[in-house]
Each structure stands twice: as C-alpha cells, then as structure tokens.
C-alpha cells in the first residue's frame, strides 16, 4: 500500500476511509468503536488516537440517531 499524499510506502490505513498513509502524513483522530444503550442514554466506546489521513472528511459533529434510543 502507498501513501495517498506522496506515494511513499504506507505505514497504516485511515480508519475512516481506508486510504494508505506514511509516517509523514499520518494524523490521529477519535473513532467510535461501539455504541451502548443504557437507561435513557446512549454511550460510546472510543479510540482516541485512530489513524487519520487528513484527506477524507469525517463529520466534525455527532449525527443524531434517535432510532437507536427507541
């Protein structure tokens, strides 16, 4: 796999889109692994330092999913 930005050998893949990224272009961003429904509240298990390419556009704000709380 090669880096999306410079075509050097990638050291990982973006958790959000799958693009390859080298050590010079890798970034980190939180990633939601799992959602849990509790008594009146949905909670999330999050990885704080997931690999991120910087080229894709994960939404900056949470998306409401009211159907999960029903």
PDB file of N, CA and C in Angstrom:
ATOM      1  N   UNK A   1       0.848  -1.162   0.000  1.00  0.00           N
ATOM      2  CA  UNK A   1       0.000   0.000   0.000  1.00  0.00           C
ATOM      3  C   UNK A   1       0.903   1.237   0.000  1.00  0.00           C
ATOM      4  N   UNK A   2       0.466   2.283  -0.694  1.00  0.00           N
ATOM      5  CA  UNK A   2       1.237   3.522  -0.750  1.00  0.00           C
ATOM      6  C   UNK A   2       0.444   4.670  -0.126  1.00  0.00           C
ATOM      7  N   UNK A   3       1.159   5.713   0.271  1.00  0.00           N
ATOM      8  CA  UNK A   3       0.545   6.876   0.895  1.00  0.00           C
ATOM      9  C   UNK A   3      -0.312   7.632  -0.118  1.00  0.00           C
ATOM     10  N   UNK A   4      -1.493   8.007   0.287  1.00  0.00           N
ATOM     11  CA  UNK A   4      -2.423   8.760  -0.554  1.00  0.00           C
ATOM     12  C   UNK A   4      -1.821  10.101  -0.976  1.00  0.00           C
ATOM     13  N   UNK A   5      -1.015  10.694  -0.135  1.00  0.00           N
ATOM     14  CA  UNK A   5      -0.487  12.032  -0.374  1.00  0.00           C
ATOM     15  C   UNK A   5       0.786  12.039  -1.227  1.00  0.00           C
ATOM     16  N   UNK A   6       1.757  11.157  -0.919  1.00  0.00           N
ATOM     17  CA  UNK A   6       3.077  11.252  -1.553  1.00  0.00           C
ATOM     18  C   UNK A   6       3.531   9.987  -2.288  1.00  0.00           C
ATOM     19  N   UNK A   7       2.757   8.936  -2.210  1.00  0.00           N
ATOM     20  CA  UNK A   7       3.052   7.665  -2.883  1.00  0.00           C
ATOM     21  C   UNK A   7       4.236   6.908  -2.298  1.00  0.00           C
ATOM     22  N   UNK A   8       4.703   7.303  -1.084  1.00  0.00           N
ATOM     23  CA  UNK A   8       5.705   6.509  -0.373  1.00  0.00           C
ATOM     24  C   UNK A   8       5.017   5.310   0.255  1.00  0.00           C
ATOM     25  N   UNK A   9       5.793   4.395   0.793  1.00  0.00           N
ATOM     26  CA  UNK A   9       5.236   3.218   1.444  1.00  0.00           C
ATOM     27  C   UNK A   9       4.416   3.638   2.659  1.00  0.00           C
ATOM     28  N   UNK A  10       3.199   3.154   2.729  1.00  0.00           N
ATOM     29  CA  UNK A  10       2.302   3.481   3.842  1.00  0.00           C
ATOM     30  C   UNK A  10       2.661   2.653   5.067  1.00  0.00           C
ATOM     31  N   UNK A  11       2.455   3.247   6.239  1.00  0.00           N
ATOM     32  CA  UNK A  11       2.666   2.531   7.494  1.00  0.00           C
ATOM     33  C   UNK A  11       1.343   2.161   8.150  1.00  0.00           C
ATOM     34  N   UNK A  12       0.252   2.643   7.584  1.00  0.00           N
ATOM     35  CA  UNK A  12      -1.065   2.344   8.130  1.00  0.00           C
ATOM     36  C   UNK A  12      -2.146   2.806   7.181  1.00  0.00           C
ATOM     37  N   UNK A  13      -3.387   2.546   7.576  1.00  0.00           N
ATOM     38  CA  UNK A  13      -4.535   2.934   6.771  1.00  0.00           C
ATOM     39  C   UNK A  13      -5.473   3.795   7.610  1.00  0.00           C
ATOM     40  N   UNK A  14      -6.055   4.778   6.973  1.00  0.00           N
ATOM     41  CA  UNK A  14      -7.012   5.653   7.640  1.00  0.00           C
ATOM     42  C   UNK A  14      -8.195   4.829   8.141  1.00  0.00           C
ATOM     43  N   UNK A  15      -8.547   4.993   9.393  1.00  0.00           N
ATOM     44  CA  UNK A  15      -9.652   4.245   9.995  1.00  0.00           C
ATOM     45  C   UNK A  15     -11.002   4.677   9.432  1.00  0.00           C
ATOM     46  N   UNK A  16     -11.046   5.871   8.853  1.00  0.00           N
ATOM     47  CA  UNK A  16     -12.306   6.416   8.380  1.00  0.00           C
ATOM     48  C   UNK A  16     -12.586   6.095   6.910  1.00  0.00           C
ATOM     49  N   UNK A  17     -11.540   6.071   6.069  1.00  0.00           N
ATOM     50  CA  UNK A  17     -11.770   5.841   4.633  1.00  0.00           C
ATOM     51  C   UNK A  17     -10.928   4.717   4.046  1.00  0.00           C
ATOM     52  N   UNK A  18      -9.863   4.291   4.749  1.00  0.00           N
ATOM     53  CA  UNK A  18      -9.033   3.188   4.270  1.00  0.00           C
ATOM     54  C   UNK A  18      -7.841   3.602   3.431  1.00  0.00           C
ATOM     55  N   UNK A  19      -7.655   4.895   3.176  1.00  0.00           N
ATOM     56  CA  UNK A  19      -6.502   5.338   2.392  1.00  0.00           C
ATOM     57  C   UNK A  19      -5.205   5.033   3.138  1.00  0.00           C
ATOM     58  N   UNK A  20      -4.154   4.682   2.382  1.00  0.00           N
ATOM     59  CA  UNK A  20      -2.849   4.444   2.969  1.00  0.00           C
ATOM     60  C   UNK A  20      -2.200   5.757   3.373  1.00  0.00           C
ATOM     61  N   UNK A  21      -1.438   5.733   4.478  1.00  0.00           N
ATOM     62  CA  UNK A  21      -0.743   6.924   4.942  1.00  0.00           C
ATOM     63  C   UNK A  21       0.651   6.571   5.465  1.00  0.00           C
ATOM     64  N   UNK A  22       1.637   7.417   5.088  1.00  0.00           N
ATOM     65  CA  UNK A  22       3.014   7.214   5.549  1.00  0.00           C
ATOM     66  C   UNK A  22       3.210   7.925   6.882  1.00  0.00           C
ATOM     67  N   UNK A  23       4.393   7.736   7.494  1.00  0.00           N
ATOM     68  CA  UNK A  23       4.645   8.341   8.798  1.00  0.00           C
ATOM     69  C   UNK A  23       4.694   9.870   8.748  1.00  0.00           C
ATOM     70  N   UNK A  24       4.947  10.449   7.586  1.00  0.00           N
ATOM     71  CA  UNK A  24       4.982  11.909   7.471  1.00  0.00           C
ATOM     72  C   UNK A  24       3.590  12.534   7.368  1.00  0.00           C
ATOM     73  N   UNK A  25       2.618  11.777   6.919  1.00  0.00           N
ATOM     74  CA  UNK A  25       1.279  12.327   6.705  1.00  0.00           C
ATOM     75  C   UNK A  25       0.221  11.803   7.664  1.00  0.00           C
ATOM     76  N   UNK A  26       0.599  10.881   8.521  1.00  0.00           N
ATOM     77  CA  UNK A  26      -0.379  10.306   9.452  1.00  0.00           C
ATOM     78  C   UNK A  26      -0.822  11.347  10.480  1.00  0.00           C
ATOM     79  N   UNK A  27      -2.099  11.337  10.770  1.00  0.00           N
ATOM     80  CA  UNK A  27      -2.693  12.165  11.812  1.00  0.00           C
ATOM     81  C   UNK A  27      -3.512  11.244  12.703  1.00  0.00           C
ATOM     82  N   UNK A  28      -3.998  11.758  13.808  1.00  0.00           N
ATOM     83  CA  UNK A  28      -4.824  10.964  14.714  1.00  0.00           C
ATOM     84  C   UNK A  28      -6.131  11.690  14.973  1.00  0.00           C
ATOM     85  N   UNK A  29      -7.178  10.902  15.195  1.00  0.00           N
ATOM     86  CA  UNK A  29      -8.496  11.452  15.470  1.00  0.00           C
ATOM     87  C   UNK A  29      -9.300  10.403  16.243  1.00  0.00           C
ATOM     88  N   UNK A  30     -10.195  10.822  17.139  1.00  0.00           N
ATOM     89  CA  UNK A  30     -11.024   9.850  17.861  1.00  0.00           C
ATOM     90  C   UNK A  30     -11.937   9.076  16.910  1.00  0.00           C
ATOM     91  N   UNK A  31     -12.181   7.802  17.247  1.00  0.00           N
ATOM     92  CA  UNK A  31     -13.037   6.934  16.436  1.00  0.00           C
ATOM     93  C   UNK A  31     -13.958   6.140  17.358  1.00  0.00           C
ATOM     94  N   UNK A  32     -15.245   6.156  17.049  1.00  0.00           N
ATOM     95  CA  UNK A  32     -16.232   5.418  17.851  1.00  0.00           C
ATOM     96  C   UNK A  32     -16.189   3.943  17.457  1.00  0.00           C
ATOM     97  N   UNK A  33     -15.883   3.086  18.435  1.00  0.00           N
ATOM     98  CA  UNK A  33     -15.840   1.644  18.191  1.00  0.00           C
ATOM     99  C   UNK A  33     -17.194   0.974  18.391  1.00  0.00           C
ATOM    100  N   UNK A  34     -17.872   1.373  19.430  1.00  0.00           N
ATOM    101  CA  UNK A  34     -19.100   0.669  19.819  1.00  0.00           C
ATOM    102  C   UNK A  34     -20.049   1.635  20.507  1.00  0.00           C
ATOM    103  N   UNK A  35     -21.339   1.441  20.298  1.00  0.00           N
ATOM    104  CA  UNK A  35     -22.369   2.203  20.999  1.00  0.00           C
ATOM    105  C   UNK A  35     -23.105   1.281  21.948  1.00  0.00           C
ATOM    106  N   UNK A  36     -23.448   1.799  23.127  1.00  0.00           N
ATOM    107  CA  UNK A  36     -24.178   1.039  24.135  1.00  0.00           C
ATOM    108  C   UNK A  36     -25.416   1.823  24.540  1.00  0.00           C
ATOM    109  N   UNK A  37     -26.541   1.141  24.562  1.00  0.00           N
ATOM    110  CA  UNK A  37     -27.777   1.765  25.023  1.00  0.00           C
ATOM    111  C   UNK A  37     -27.959   1.471  26.498  1.00  0.00           C
ATOM    112  N   UNK A  38     -28.162   2.527  27.262  1.00  0.00           N
ATOM    113  CA  UNK A  38     -28.381   2.371  28.687  1.00  0.00           C
ATOM    114  C   UNK A  38     -29.746   2.906  29.052  1.00  0.00           C
ATOM    115  N   UNK A  39     -29.922   3.191  30.317  1.00  0.00           N
ATOM    116  CA  UNK A  39     -31.200   3.720  30.783  1.00  0.00           C
ATOM    117  C   UNK A  39     -31.314   5.191  30.390  1.00  0.00           C
ATOM    118  N   UNK A  40     -31.917   5.436  29.240  1.00  0.00           N
ATOM    119  CA  UNK A  40     -32.146   6.789  28.775  1.00  0.00           C
ATOM    120  C   UNK A  40     -30.965   7.468  28.111  1.00  0.00           C
ATOM    121  N   UNK A  41     -29.820   6.771  27.987  1.00  0.00           N
ATOM    122  CA  UNK A  41     -28.655   7.403  27.398  1.00  0.00           C
ATOM    123  C   UNK A  41     -27.880   6.397  26.559  1.00  0.00           C
ATOM    124  N   UNK A  42     -27.408   6.836  25.397  1.00  0.00           N
ATOM    125  CA  UNK A  42     -26.538   6.009  24.572  1.00  0.00           C
ATOM    126  C   UNK A  42     -25.106   6.433  24.843  1.00  0.00           C
ATOM    127  N   UNK A  43     -24.241   5.464  25.139  1.00  0.00           N
ATOM    128  CA  UNK A  43     -22.841   5.732  25.428  1.00  0.00           C
ATOM    129  C   UNK A  43     -21.981   5.130  24.324  1.00  0.00           C
ATOM    130  N   UNK A  44     -20.728   5.586  24.223  1.00  0.00           N
ATOM    131  CA  UNK A  44     -19.839   5.118  23.166  1.00  0.00           C
ATOM    132  C   UNK A  44     -18.487   4.706  23.741  1.00  0.00           C
ATOM    133  N   UNK A  45     -17.916   3.656  23.159  1.00  0.00           N
ATOM    134  CA  UNK A  45     -16.542   3.251  23.430  1.00  0.00           C
ATOM    135  C   UNK A  45     -15.705   3.850  22.298  1.00  0.00           C
ATOM    136  N   UNK A  46     -14.728   4.705  22.646  1.00  0.00           N
ATOM    137  CA  UNK A  46     -14.000   5.486  21.648  1.00  0.00           C
ATOM    138  C   UNK A  46     -12.506   5.221  21.732  1.00  0.00           C
ATOM    139  N   UNK A  47     -11.855   5.082  20.581  1.00  0.00           N
ATOM    140  CA  UNK A  47     -10.393   5.040  20.492  1.00  0.00           C
ATOM    141  C   UNK A  47      -9.958   6.473  20.214  1.00  0.00           C
ATOM    142  N   UNK A  48      -9.126   7.031  21.087  1.00  0.00           N
ATOM    143  CA  UNK A  48      -8.746   8.446  20.982  1.00  0.00           C
ATOM    144  C   UNK A  48      -7.761   8.738  19.852  1.00  0.00           C
ATOM    145  N   UNK A  49      -6.914   7.762  19.498  1.00  0.00           N
ATOM    146  CA  UNK A  49      -5.830   8.043  18.558  1.00  0.00           C
ATOM    147  C   UNK A  49      -5.852   7.144  17.322  1.00  0.00           C
ATOM    148  N   UNK A  50      -7.024   7.023  16.707  1.00  0.00           N
ATOM    149  CA  UNK A  50      -7.139   6.236  15.483  1.00  0.00           C
ATOM    150  C   UNK A  50      -6.411   6.949  14.343  1.00  0.00           C
ATOM    151  N   UNK A  51      -5.808   6.188  13.422  1.00  0.00           N
ATOM    152  CA  UNK A  51      -5.102   6.781  12.294  1.00  0.00           C
ATOM    153  C   UNK A  51      -6.077   7.509  11.379  1.00  0.00           C
ATOM    154  N   UNK A  52      -5.660   8.694  10.927  1.00  0.00           N
ATOM    155  CA  UNK A  52      -6.492   9.551  10.084  1.00  0.00           C
ATOM    156  C   UNK A  52      -5.622  10.117   8.971  1.00  0.00           C
ATOM    157  N   UNK A  53      -6.107  10.081   7.729  1.00  0.00           N
ATOM    158  CA  UNK A  53      -5.318  10.509   6.574  1.00  0.00           C
ATOM    159  C   UNK A  53      -5.300  12.019   6.375  1.00  0.00           C
ATOM    160  N   UNK A  54      -6.301  12.715   6.854  1.00  0.00           N
ATOM    161  CA  UNK A  54      -6.382  14.150   6.637  1.00  0.00           C
ATOM    162  C   UNK A  54      -7.001  14.521   5.303  1.00  0.00           C
ATOM    163  N   UNK A  55      -7.247  13.540   4.428  1.00  0.00           N
ATOM    164  CA  UNK A  55      -7.837  13.816   3.113  1.00  0.00           C
ATOM    165  C   UNK A  55      -9.348  13.594   3.106  1.00  0.00           C
ATOM    166  N   UNK A  56      -9.827  12.678   3.914  1.00  0.00           N
ATOM    167  CA  UNK A  56     -11.265  12.420   3.954  1.00  0.00           C
ATOM    168  C   UNK A  56     -11.935  13.410   4.908  1.00  0.00           C
ATOM    169  N   UNK A  57     -13.236  13.393   4.948  1.00  0.00           N
ATOM    170  CA  UNK A  57     -13.975  14.390   5.729  1.00  0.00           C
ATOM    171  C   UNK A  57     -14.968  13.760   6.693  1.00  0.00           C
ATOM    172  N   UNK A  58     -14.468  13.135   7.778  1.00  0.00           N
ATOM    173  CA  UNK A  58     -15.423  12.669   8.781  1.00  0.00           C
ATOM    174  C   UNK A  58     -16.184  13.872   9.329  1.00  0.00           C
ATOM    175  N   UNK A  59     -17.437  13.706   9.637  1.00  0.00           N
ATOM    176  CA  UNK A  59     -18.234  14.826  10.136  1.00  0.00           C
ATOM    177  C   UNK A  59     -17.655  15.335  11.452  1.00  0.00           C
ATOM    178  N   UNK A  60     -17.554  16.649  11.594  1.00  0.00           N
ATOM    179  CA  UNK A  60     -16.948  17.205  12.812  1.00  0.00           C
ATOM    180  C   UNK A  60     -17.847  17.112  14.035  1.00  0.00           C
ATOM    181  N   UNK A  61     -19.155  16.992  13.823  1.00  0.00           N
ATOM    182  CA  UNK A  61     -20.104  16.925  14.932  1.00  0.00           C
ATOM    183  C   UNK A  61     -20.846  15.601  14.888  1.00  0.00           C
ATOM    184  N   UNK A  62     -21.278  15.122  16.039  1.00  0.00           N
ATOM    185  CA  UNK A  62     -22.047  13.873  16.060  1.00  0.00           C
ATOM    186  C   UNK A  62     -23.335  13.984  15.236  1.00  0.00           C
ATOM    187  N   UNK A  63     -23.747  12.862  14.704  1.00  0.00           N
ATOM    188  CA  UNK A  63     -25.001  12.775  13.953  1.00  0.00           C
ATOM    189  C   UNK A  63     -26.053  12.190  14.880  1.00  0.00           C
ATOM    190  N   UNK A  64     -27.199  12.830  14.969  1.00  0.00           N
ATOM    191  CA  UNK A  64     -28.283  12.318  15.811  1.00  0.00           C
ATOM    192  C   UNK A  64     -28.814  11.010  15.234  1.00  0.00           C
ATOM    193  N   UNK A  65     -28.983  10.012  16.090  1.00  0.00           N
ATOM    194  CA  UNK A  65     -29.535   8.709  15.709  1.00  0.00           C
ATOM    195  C   UNK A  65     -30.658   8.344  16.691  1.00  0.00           C
ATOM    196  N   UNK A  66     -31.748   9.096  16.656  1.00  0.00           N
ATOM    197  CA  UNK A  66     -32.809   8.855  17.641  1.00  0.00           C
ATOM    198  C   UNK A  66     -33.409   7.455  17.544  1.00  0.00           C
ATOM    199  N   UNK A  67     -33.325   6.824  16.391  1.00  0.00           N
ATOM    200  CA  UNK A  67     -33.899   5.475  16.251  1.00  0.00           C
ATOM    201  C   UNK A  67     -33.161   4.452  17.109  1.00  0.00           C
ATOM    202  N   UNK A  68     -31.931   4.751  17.550  1.00  0.00           N
ATOM    203  CA  UNK A  68     -31.207   3.842  18.421  1.00  0.00           C
ATOM    204  C   UNK A  68     -31.688   3.920  19.864  1.00  0.00           C
ATOM    205  N   UNK A  69     -32.364   4.994  20.231  1.00  0.00           N
ATOM    206  CA  UNK A  69     -32.842   5.188  21.603  1.00  0.00           C
ATOM    207  C   UNK A  69     -34.258   4.699  21.805  1.00  0.00           C
ATOM    208  N   UNK A  70     -34.888   4.168  20.776  1.00  0.00           N
ATOM    209  CA  UNK A  70     -36.272   3.714  20.913  1.00  0.00           C
ATOM    210  C   UNK A  70     -36.366   2.348  21.542  1.00  0.00           C
TER     211      UNK A  70
END
